[in-house]
Structures are given as C-alpha cells and as structure tokens.
N, C-alpha and C. Protein backbone atom coordinates (compact mmCIF):
# COMPACT_ATOMS: atom_id res chain seq x y z
N UNK A 1 67.98 -59.57 1.08
CA UNK A 1 67.57 -59.16 -0.06
C UNK A 1 66.56 -60.13 -0.72
N UNK A 2 64.94 -59.60 -1.69
CA UNK A 2 64.26 -60.35 -2.01
C UNK A 2 64.37 -61.37 -3.02
N UNK A 3 63.47 -62.46 -3.06
CA UNK A 3 63.98 -63.22 -3.73
C UNK A 3 63.39 -63.08 -5.26
N UNK A 4 63.84 -63.24 -6.37
CA UNK A 4 63.21 -63.06 -7.63
C UNK A 4 61.78 -63.75 -7.82
N UNK A 5 61.37 -64.65 -7.33
CA UNK A 5 60.16 -64.81 -7.07
C UNK A 5 59.02 -63.67 -6.34
N UNK A 6 59.59 -63.16 -5.15
CA UNK A 6 59.17 -61.80 -4.75
C UNK A 6 58.95 -60.84 -5.50
N UNK A 7 60.02 -60.27 -6.08
CA UNK A 7 60.20 -59.19 -6.92
C UNK A 7 59.41 -59.17 -8.32
N UNK A 8 59.24 -60.64 -8.86
CA UNK A 8 58.73 -60.57 -9.90
C UNK A 8 57.11 -60.57 -10.00
N UNK A 9 56.64 -61.13 -8.76
CA UNK A 9 55.01 -61.26 -8.40
C UNK A 9 54.33 -60.00 -8.06
N UNK A 10 55.33 -58.94 -7.72
CA UNK A 10 55.37 -57.73 -7.30
C UNK A 10 54.97 -56.94 -8.55
N UNK A 11 55.85 -56.99 -9.64
CA UNK A 11 55.68 -56.11 -10.72
C UNK A 11 54.88 -56.72 -11.72
N UNK A 12 54.97 -58.40 -11.55
CA UNK A 12 53.61 -58.62 -12.70
C UNK A 12 52.13 -58.44 -12.24
N UNK A 13 52.01 -58.16 -10.72
CA UNK A 13 50.68 -57.58 -10.37
C UNK A 13 50.32 -56.18 -10.48
N UNK A 14 51.42 -55.60 -10.43
CA UNK A 14 51.81 -53.85 -10.61
C UNK A 14 51.31 -53.54 -12.22
N UNK A 15 51.82 -54.74 -13.00
CA UNK A 15 51.54 -54.54 -14.35
C UNK A 15 49.94 -55.08 -14.81
N UNK A 16 49.71 -55.97 -14.02
CA UNK A 16 47.87 -56.34 -13.97
C UNK A 16 47.34 -55.19 -13.27
N UNK A 17 47.83 -54.02 -12.89
CA UNK A 17 46.76 -53.14 -12.43
C UNK A 17 46.05 -53.74 -11.27
N UNK A 18 46.57 -54.17 -10.41
CA UNK A 18 45.96 -54.95 -9.12
C UNK A 18 46.67 -54.30 -7.81
N UNK A 19 46.02 -54.43 -7.03
CA UNK A 19 46.66 -54.33 -5.72
C UNK A 19 46.73 -55.45 -4.98
N UNK A 20 47.35 -55.43 -3.78
CA UNK A 20 47.59 -56.61 -3.11
C UNK A 20 46.22 -57.15 -2.60
N UNK A 21 45.54 -56.13 -2.28
CA UNK A 21 43.95 -56.32 -1.92
C UNK A 21 43.35 -56.78 -2.92
N UNK A 22 43.45 -56.34 -4.07
CA UNK A 22 42.49 -57.11 -5.11
C UNK A 22 43.16 -58.34 -5.37
N UNK A 23 44.21 -58.54 -5.85
CA UNK A 23 44.54 -59.64 -5.89
C UNK A 23 44.26 -60.82 -5.33
N UNK A 24 44.73 -60.71 -3.73
CA UNK A 24 44.11 -61.69 -2.72
C UNK A 24 42.81 -61.69 -3.07
N UNK A 25 41.92 -60.99 -2.98
CA UNK A 25 40.48 -61.24 -3.21
C UNK A 25 39.70 -62.13 -4.29
N UNK A 26 40.79 -62.39 -5.49
CA UNK A 26 40.62 -63.05 -6.23
C UNK A 26 40.86 -64.72 -6.25
N UNK A 27 41.95 -64.48 -4.98
CA UNK A 27 42.43 -65.88 -4.60
C UNK A 27 41.80 -66.36 -3.22
N UNK A 28 40.59 -65.46 -3.15
CA UNK A 28 40.22 -65.75 -1.67
C UNK A 28 41.38 -65.90 -0.21
N UNK A 29 41.96 -64.83 -0.71
CA UNK A 29 43.16 -64.91 0.69
C UNK A 29 42.78 -63.73 1.38
N UNK A 30 43.53 -63.57 2.43
CA UNK A 30 43.73 -62.28 3.21
C UNK A 30 45.04 -61.29 2.47
N UNK A 31 44.86 -60.13 2.45
CA UNK A 31 46.28 -59.23 1.77
C UNK A 31 47.00 -59.47 2.38
N UNK A 32 47.36 -59.79 3.60
CA UNK A 32 48.75 -60.36 3.81
C UNK A 32 49.05 -61.39 3.39
N UNK A 33 48.65 -62.41 3.09
CA UNK A 33 49.04 -63.13 2.36
C UNK A 33 50.28 -62.81 1.00
N UNK A 34 49.57 -61.84 0.33
CA UNK A 34 50.63 -61.48 -0.79
C UNK A 34 51.41 -60.25 -0.73
N UNK A 35 51.11 -59.45 0.71
CA UNK A 35 52.24 -58.62 0.92
C UNK A 35 53.52 -59.50 1.52
N UNK A 36 53.14 -60.82 2.57
CA UNK A 36 53.89 -61.67 2.91
C UNK A 36 54.88 -62.54 1.40
N UNK A 37 54.20 -62.61 0.25
CA UNK A 37 55.00 -63.26 -0.48
C UNK A 37 56.04 -62.37 -1.49
N UNK A 38 55.62 -60.96 -1.56
CA UNK A 38 56.18 -59.97 -2.09
C UNK A 38 57.15 -59.55 -1.53
N UNK A 39 57.21 -59.67 0.15
CA UNK A 39 58.10 -59.26 1.00
C UNK A 39 59.27 -60.29 0.75
N UNK A 40 59.04 -61.29 0.61
CA UNK A 40 59.94 -62.52 0.65
C UNK A 40 59.65 -63.58 2.07
N UNK A 41 58.82 -62.80 2.80
CA UNK A 41 58.67 -63.44 4.14
C UNK A 41 58.11 -64.92 4.45
N UNK A 42 56.93 -65.07 3.35
CA UNK A 42 56.34 -66.64 3.06
C UNK A 42 56.63 -66.69 1.26
N UNK A 43 56.36 -68.15 1.13
CA UNK A 43 56.26 -68.43 -0.02
C UNK A 43 54.82 -69.65 -0.23
N UNK A 44 54.41 -69.12 -1.25
CA UNK A 44 53.02 -70.31 -1.71
C UNK A 44 53.28 -71.68 -1.85
N UNK A 45 52.28 -72.11 -1.37
CA UNK A 45 52.45 -73.84 -1.84
C UNK A 45 52.61 -73.89 -3.22
N UNK A 46 52.60 -75.00 -3.75
CA UNK A 46 52.75 -75.10 -5.04
C UNK A 46 51.32 -75.08 -5.61
N UNK A 47 50.55 -75.13 -4.92
CA UNK A 47 48.91 -75.42 -5.41
C UNK A 47 48.63 -74.24 -5.63
N UNK A 48 48.84 -73.07 -4.30
CA UNK A 48 48.55 -71.84 -4.43
C UNK A 48 49.32 -70.88 -5.44
N UNK A 49 50.90 -71.82 -5.65
CA UNK A 49 51.83 -71.15 -7.00
C UNK A 49 50.65 -70.96 -8.44
N UNK A 50 50.08 -71.79 -8.48
CA UNK A 50 49.71 -72.27 -9.74
C UNK A 50 48.64 -71.09 -9.92
N UNK A 51 47.79 -71.00 -8.83
CA UNK A 51 46.75 -70.27 -8.74
C UNK A 51 47.29 -68.84 -8.90
N UNK A 52 48.32 -68.28 -8.48
CA UNK A 52 48.70 -66.97 -8.12
C UNK A 52 49.23 -66.89 -9.94
N UNK A 53 50.09 -67.98 -10.59
CA UNK A 53 50.21 -68.05 -12.14
C UNK A 53 48.98 -67.85 -12.82
N UNK A 54 48.10 -68.20 -12.94
CA UNK A 54 46.69 -68.36 -13.21
C UNK A 54 45.85 -66.91 -13.41
N UNK A 55 45.81 -66.66 -12.02
CA UNK A 55 45.28 -64.82 -11.75
C UNK A 55 46.11 -64.01 -12.36
N UNK A 56 47.43 -64.10 -12.81
CA UNK A 56 48.28 -62.73 -13.29
C UNK A 56 48.39 -63.24 -14.38
N UNK A 57 47.87 -64.35 -15.44
CA UNK A 57 48.29 -64.63 -16.76
C UNK A 57 49.75 -64.60 -17.03
N UNK A 58 50.68 -65.36 -16.14
CA UNK A 58 51.96 -65.28 -15.96
C UNK A 58 52.56 -66.69 -16.04
N UNK A 59 53.88 -67.11 -16.65
CA UNK A 59 53.94 -68.35 -16.54
C UNK A 59 54.80 -68.61 -15.17
N UNK A 60 54.93 -69.83 -14.99
CA UNK A 60 55.61 -70.13 -13.69
C UNK A 60 57.06 -69.72 -14.25
N UNK A 61 57.51 -70.07 -14.83
CA UNK A 61 58.95 -70.02 -15.37
C UNK A 61 59.39 -68.47 -15.01
N UNK A 62 58.73 -68.03 -15.86
CA UNK A 62 58.84 -66.17 -15.90
C UNK A 62 59.02 -65.91 -14.24
N UNK A 63 57.77 -66.23 -13.56
CA UNK A 63 57.52 -65.89 -11.74
C UNK A 63 58.89 -66.64 -11.02
N UNK A 64 59.22 -67.57 -11.29
CA UNK A 64 60.55 -68.03 -10.79
C UNK A 64 61.57 -67.61 -11.20
N UNK A 65 61.73 -66.80 -12.52
CA UNK A 65 63.19 -66.20 -13.11
C UNK A 65 63.74 -67.34 -13.61
N UNK A 66 63.25 -68.08 -14.16
CA UNK A 66 63.74 -68.83 -15.06
C UNK A 66 63.78 -68.75 -16.73
N UNK A 67 62.53 -67.71 -17.14
CA UNK A 67 62.76 -67.12 -18.42
C UNK A 67 62.45 -65.89 -17.62
N UNK A 68 62.51 -64.85 -18.78
CA UNK A 68 62.31 -63.57 -18.96
C UNK A 68 60.86 -63.25 -19.67
N UNK A 69 60.64 -64.30 -20.51
CA UNK A 69 58.96 -64.11 -20.75
C UNK A 69 58.08 -64.10 -19.89
N UNK A 70 57.40 -63.31 -19.97
CA UNK A 70 55.76 -63.37 -19.07
C UNK A 70 55.04 -64.41 -19.48
N UNK A 71 54.70 -64.33 -20.44
CA UNK A 71 53.32 -65.29 -21.08
C UNK A 71 54.35 -65.48 -22.23
N UNK A 72 54.56 -66.43 -22.76
CA UNK A 72 55.40 -67.26 -23.79
C UNK A 72 54.34 -67.68 -24.80
N UNK A 73 53.11 -67.88 -24.21
CA UNK A 73 52.18 -68.58 -25.45
C UNK A 73 51.06 -66.98 -25.75
N UNK A 74 51.22 -66.21 -25.00
CA UNK A 74 50.13 -65.11 -25.45
C UNK A 74 50.56 -64.26 -26.35
N UNK A 75 49.00 -63.94 -27.33
CA UNK A 75 49.37 -63.19 -28.58
C UNK A 75 49.61 -61.77 -28.25
N UNK A 76 50.66 -61.14 -28.73
CA UNK A 76 51.01 -59.80 -28.55
C UNK A 76 50.37 -58.71 -28.89
N UNK A 77 49.68 -58.72 -30.29
CA UNK A 77 48.58 -57.95 -31.34
C UNK A 77 47.46 -58.77 -31.60
N UNK A 78 46.62 -58.41 -30.95
CA UNK A 78 45.31 -58.97 -31.32
C UNK A 78 44.92 -58.35 -32.88
N UNK A 79 45.12 -57.42 -33.34
CA UNK A 79 45.13 -56.83 -34.44
C UNK A 79 45.87 -58.14 -35.76
N UNK A 80 46.98 -58.24 -35.22
CA UNK A 80 47.86 -59.32 -36.05
C UNK A 80 47.54 -60.71 -35.92
N UNK A 81 46.81 -60.96 -35.25
CA UNK A 81 46.17 -62.29 -34.81
C UNK A 81 44.86 -62.59 -35.73
N UNK A 82 44.19 -61.48 -35.55
CA UNK A 82 42.71 -61.22 -36.46
C UNK A 82 43.08 -61.19 -38.15
N UNK A 83 44.15 -60.23 -38.58
CA UNK A 83 44.54 -60.28 -39.83
C UNK A 83 44.91 -62.02 -40.36
N UNK A 84 45.77 -62.27 -39.43
CA UNK A 84 46.29 -63.78 -39.93
C UNK A 84 45.05 -64.72 -39.86
N UNK A 85 44.27 -64.73 -39.34
CA UNK A 85 42.83 -65.60 -39.00
C UNK A 85 42.27 -65.46 -40.53
N UNK A 86 41.89 -63.83 -40.78
CA UNK A 86 41.46 -63.56 -41.82
C UNK A 86 42.10 -64.57 -43.16
N UNK A 87 43.61 -64.21 -43.24
CA UNK A 87 44.33 -64.41 -44.38
C UNK A 87 44.46 -66.20 -44.54
N UNK A 88 44.25 -66.71 -43.29
CA UNK A 88 44.14 -68.17 -43.25
C UNK A 88 42.96 -68.64 -43.75
N UNK A 89 41.75 -67.93 -43.51
CA UNK A 89 40.47 -68.16 -44.13
C UNK A 89 40.21 -67.80 -45.66
N UNK A 90 40.97 -66.89 -45.88
CA UNK A 90 40.99 -66.58 -47.57
C UNK A 90 41.68 -67.58 -48.06
N UNK A 91 42.70 -67.69 -47.68
CA UNK A 91 43.23 -69.38 -48.27
C UNK A 91 42.63 -70.47 -48.59
N UNK A 92 42.08 -71.11 -47.29
CA UNK A 92 41.49 -72.28 -47.21
C UNK A 92 40.02 -72.63 -48.81
N UNK A 93 39.38 -70.47 -48.71
CA UNK A 93 38.58 -70.71 -49.59
C UNK A 93 39.04 -70.76 -50.98
N UNK A 94 40.49 -70.40 -51.21
CA UNK A 94 40.96 -70.47 -52.61
C UNK A 94 41.41 -71.83 -52.94
N UNK A 95 41.53 -72.69 -51.57
CA UNK A 95 42.03 -73.78 -52.02
C UNK A 95 40.71 -74.94 -52.66
N UNK A 96 39.54 -74.58 -51.95
CA UNK A 96 38.61 -75.45 -52.04
C UNK A 96 38.01 -75.06 -53.55
N UNK A 97 38.15 -74.00 -53.79
CA UNK A 97 37.54 -73.40 -55.09
C UNK A 97 38.59 -74.18 -55.86
N UNK A 98 40.23 -74.06 -55.80
CA UNK A 98 40.49 -75.13 -56.54
C UNK A 98 40.70 -76.54 -56.80
N UNK A 99 40.16 -76.98 -55.56
CA UNK A 99 39.84 -78.38 -55.70
C UNK A 99 38.55 -78.92 -56.20
N UNK A 100 37.81 -77.90 -56.10
CA UNK A 100 36.46 -78.01 -56.86
C UNK A 100 36.61 -79.10 -58.27
N UNK A 101 35.72 -80.45 -58.77
CA UNK A 101 35.60 -80.49 -60.03
C UNK A 101 34.77 -79.61 -60.56
C-alpha cells in the first residue's frame, strides 16, 4: 500500500499539470526519483522534501497527510483579492480625507 505522501505527491503533481519528467527537471533530478517517490520505493531527504513542496506550491502538512488544505495561505480567487485591495485603498483615502485639518 502506498503512503499518503506518495499518493499526495502524485495527485499534486498532476494537479499542477506536470509529468514526472517535468517535475524532476525543475528539481534537477532524474525522472526515476519522482517515480520512486510516487511508488513508495523511496522517500526524499528533508531538504529534497522542502524543494518538492516549493516546486508544487503545496504545504508540507498537506503532502504528509497532516492537513487536507493544499495551500493554506493561497488566495483562491484573484478577483476577490483585487477587489479587497481596491476597497482597502478607498478606505485609506477616505480616512486620510477625514483627518485633514
């Protein structure tokens, strides 16, 4: 039975539209390293694990199965973020106008 790490690594790689070869190339690995991680034959070192998290834009907790939230700090909706930034700027301008003597 594959580990949760092996399963989530593969799912996350696919969700990022990456082949094993493309992910390996991003990390300067041979593609067999990724295949071995996904099959559960090998596990990455801590430093390689951190690099995998960064390359896949996934949290360590997610890949280890400690959380079901892939990117806990990611903004899900770019438009929502832009709207919030505009509203914050408008509020800042309004407050500055109120504080002018």
